N, C-alpha and C. Protein backbone atom coordinates (compact mmCIF):
# COMPACT_ATOMS: atom_id res chain seq x y z
N MET A 1 -4.60 20.13 3.22
CA MET A 1 -4.15 21.37 2.63
C MET A 1 -3.83 22.39 3.71
N ALA A 2 -4.65 22.43 4.74
CA ALA A 2 -4.39 23.39 5.82
C ALA A 2 -3.07 23.06 6.51
N THR A 3 -2.82 21.78 6.71
CA THR A 3 -1.56 21.37 7.35
C THR A 3 -0.37 21.75 6.49
N LEU A 4 -0.48 21.55 5.18
CA LEU A 4 0.62 21.95 4.29
C LEU A 4 0.86 23.44 4.35
N GLY A 5 -0.21 24.21 4.44
CA GLY A 5 -0.08 25.66 4.53
C GLY A 5 0.70 26.09 5.77
N ARG A 6 0.56 25.32 6.84
CA ARG A 6 1.30 25.64 8.07
C ARG A 6 2.72 25.06 8.03
N LEU A 7 2.87 23.90 7.39
CA LEU A 7 4.14 23.19 7.41
C LEU A 7 5.18 23.76 6.44
N VAL A 8 4.77 24.07 5.23
CA VAL A 8 5.71 24.48 4.19
C VAL A 8 6.57 25.68 4.60
N PRO A 9 6.00 26.73 5.18
CA PRO A 9 6.86 27.86 5.57
C PRO A 9 7.95 27.46 6.59
N GLN A 10 7.67 26.45 7.39
CA GLN A 10 8.66 26.01 8.39
C GLN A 10 9.80 25.23 7.75
N LEU A 11 9.62 24.78 6.52
CA LEU A 11 10.65 23.98 5.85
C LEU A 11 11.72 24.82 5.17
N ARG A 12 11.49 26.11 5.03
CA ARG A 12 12.50 26.97 4.38
C ARG A 12 13.83 26.87 5.11
N GLY A 13 14.87 26.65 4.35
CA GLY A 13 16.21 26.60 4.91
C GLY A 13 16.58 25.26 5.53
N GLN A 14 15.66 24.31 5.55
CA GLN A 14 15.95 23.00 6.12
C GLN A 14 16.77 22.17 5.13
N GLU A 15 17.68 21.41 5.66
CA GLU A 15 18.45 20.47 4.84
C GLU A 15 17.94 19.06 5.16
N PHE A 16 17.72 18.26 4.13
CA PHE A 16 17.22 16.91 4.31
C PHE A 16 18.19 15.90 3.71
N THR A 17 18.31 14.77 4.39
CA THR A 17 19.14 13.69 3.87
C THR A 17 18.38 13.00 2.74
N ASP A 18 19.09 12.19 1.98
CA ASP A 18 18.44 11.42 0.93
C ASP A 18 17.36 10.51 1.52
N ASP A 19 17.63 9.90 2.65
CA ASP A 19 16.65 9.02 3.30
C ASP A 19 15.41 9.80 3.72
N GLU A 20 15.60 10.99 4.24
CA GLU A 20 14.45 11.81 4.65
C GLU A 20 13.60 12.20 3.44
N ARG A 21 14.26 12.57 2.36
CA ARG A 21 13.51 12.92 1.15
C ARG A 21 12.74 11.72 0.62
N GLU A 22 13.36 10.56 0.65
CA GLU A 22 12.69 9.35 0.18
C GLU A 22 11.50 9.00 1.07
N THR A 23 11.62 9.20 2.36
CA THR A 23 10.51 8.96 3.26
C THR A 23 9.34 9.88 2.94
N VAL A 24 9.63 11.14 2.71
CA VAL A 24 8.57 12.10 2.36
C VAL A 24 7.93 11.70 1.04
N ARG A 25 8.73 11.27 0.06
CA ARG A 25 8.17 10.85 -1.23
C ARG A 25 7.25 9.65 -1.07
N ARG A 26 7.62 8.70 -0.22
CA ARG A 26 6.75 7.53 0.02
C ARG A 26 5.42 7.97 0.63
N GLN A 27 5.48 8.89 1.56
CA GLN A 27 4.25 9.37 2.20
C GLN A 27 3.38 10.15 1.21
N ILE A 28 4.00 10.91 0.34
CA ILE A 28 3.25 11.62 -0.69
C ILE A 28 2.54 10.61 -1.59
N GLY A 29 3.21 9.53 -1.92
CA GLY A 29 2.59 8.47 -2.72
C GLY A 29 1.36 7.89 -2.04
N ARG A 30 1.44 7.72 -0.73
CA ARG A 30 0.28 7.21 0.02
C ARG A 30 -0.88 8.20 -0.05
N VAL A 31 -0.56 9.48 0.08
CA VAL A 31 -1.61 10.51 0.02
C VAL A 31 -2.25 10.52 -1.37
N ARG A 32 -1.43 10.42 -2.41
CA ARG A 32 -1.97 10.40 -3.78
C ARG A 32 -2.88 9.20 -3.99
N ALA A 33 -2.44 8.04 -3.53
CA ALA A 33 -3.26 6.83 -3.70
C ALA A 33 -4.59 6.97 -2.97
N ALA A 34 -4.56 7.52 -1.77
CA ALA A 34 -5.80 7.70 -1.01
C ALA A 34 -6.71 8.71 -1.72
N ALA A 35 -6.14 9.78 -2.25
CA ALA A 35 -6.94 10.78 -2.97
C ALA A 35 -7.53 10.18 -4.24
N ASP A 36 -6.76 9.36 -4.94
CA ASP A 36 -7.27 8.69 -6.14
C ASP A 36 -8.43 7.76 -5.79
N TRP A 37 -8.28 7.04 -4.68
CA TRP A 37 -9.36 6.15 -4.25
C TRP A 37 -10.61 6.97 -3.95
N LEU A 38 -10.46 8.07 -3.24
CA LEU A 38 -11.61 8.91 -2.88
C LEU A 38 -12.28 9.47 -4.13
N GLU A 39 -11.48 9.90 -5.09
CA GLU A 39 -12.05 10.42 -6.33
C GLU A 39 -12.85 9.34 -7.05
N GLY A 40 -12.31 8.14 -7.11
CA GLY A 40 -13.03 7.02 -7.73
C GLY A 40 -14.31 6.69 -6.98
N ALA A 41 -14.24 6.73 -5.66
CA ALA A 41 -15.43 6.45 -4.85
C ALA A 41 -16.51 7.49 -5.11
N LEU A 42 -16.13 8.74 -5.25
CA LEU A 42 -17.10 9.79 -5.57
C LEU A 42 -17.74 9.55 -6.93
N ASP A 43 -16.92 9.10 -7.87
CA ASP A 43 -17.43 8.87 -9.23
C ASP A 43 -18.38 7.69 -9.31
N ASN A 44 -18.07 6.61 -8.56
CA ASN A 44 -18.89 5.40 -8.69
C ASN A 44 -19.83 5.16 -7.52
N GLY A 45 -19.76 5.99 -6.49
CA GLY A 45 -20.67 5.86 -5.35
C GLY A 45 -20.34 4.72 -4.41
N GLU A 46 -19.20 4.08 -4.59
CA GLU A 46 -18.80 2.94 -3.75
C GLU A 46 -17.81 3.42 -2.70
N PHE A 47 -18.24 3.41 -1.45
CA PHE A 47 -17.41 3.95 -0.38
C PHE A 47 -16.93 2.90 0.60
N THR A 48 -16.89 1.64 0.19
CA THR A 48 -16.32 0.61 1.06
C THR A 48 -14.81 0.55 0.80
N LEU A 49 -14.05 0.38 1.86
CA LEU A 49 -12.59 0.31 1.70
C LEU A 49 -12.23 -0.97 0.98
N ASP A 50 -11.51 -0.85 -0.09
CA ASP A 50 -11.12 -2.06 -0.81
C ASP A 50 -9.83 -2.62 -0.23
N GLU A 51 -9.47 -3.81 -0.67
CA GLU A 51 -8.33 -4.53 -0.10
C GLU A 51 -7.01 -3.82 -0.33
N GLN A 52 -6.90 -3.01 -1.36
CA GLN A 52 -5.65 -2.32 -1.63
C GLN A 52 -5.51 -1.05 -0.79
N LEU A 53 -6.61 -0.41 -0.46
CA LEU A 53 -6.54 0.85 0.27
C LEU A 53 -6.27 0.64 1.75
N VAL A 54 -6.83 -0.40 2.34
CA VAL A 54 -6.67 -0.62 3.78
C VAL A 54 -5.20 -0.69 4.19
N PRO A 55 -4.37 -1.54 3.55
CA PRO A 55 -2.95 -1.57 3.95
C PRO A 55 -2.26 -0.22 3.73
N LEU A 56 -2.64 0.50 2.69
CA LEU A 56 -2.05 1.80 2.41
C LEU A 56 -2.34 2.76 3.56
N LEU A 57 -3.58 2.79 4.02
CA LEU A 57 -3.95 3.68 5.10
C LEU A 57 -3.31 3.27 6.43
N GLN A 58 -3.02 1.99 6.57
CA GLN A 58 -2.39 1.49 7.78
C GLN A 58 -0.88 1.63 7.74
N GLY A 59 -0.35 2.13 6.64
CA GLY A 59 1.08 2.37 6.54
C GLY A 59 1.88 1.14 6.17
N GLU A 60 1.23 0.15 5.60
CA GLU A 60 1.94 -1.09 5.24
C GLU A 60 2.43 -1.04 3.81
């Protein structure tokens, strides 16, 4: 959140290609998946990285 607070003001007036927008969307999806995993881990007390999260965190 702190990084977004610093980054977003710098994006004003920027033009992005379709490919750049798609890249950002993919990265947002990775962040959402990681946040969902963390929320589930908090709920169930299981903090071991599962097989689906590891590749996501590694950018695969």
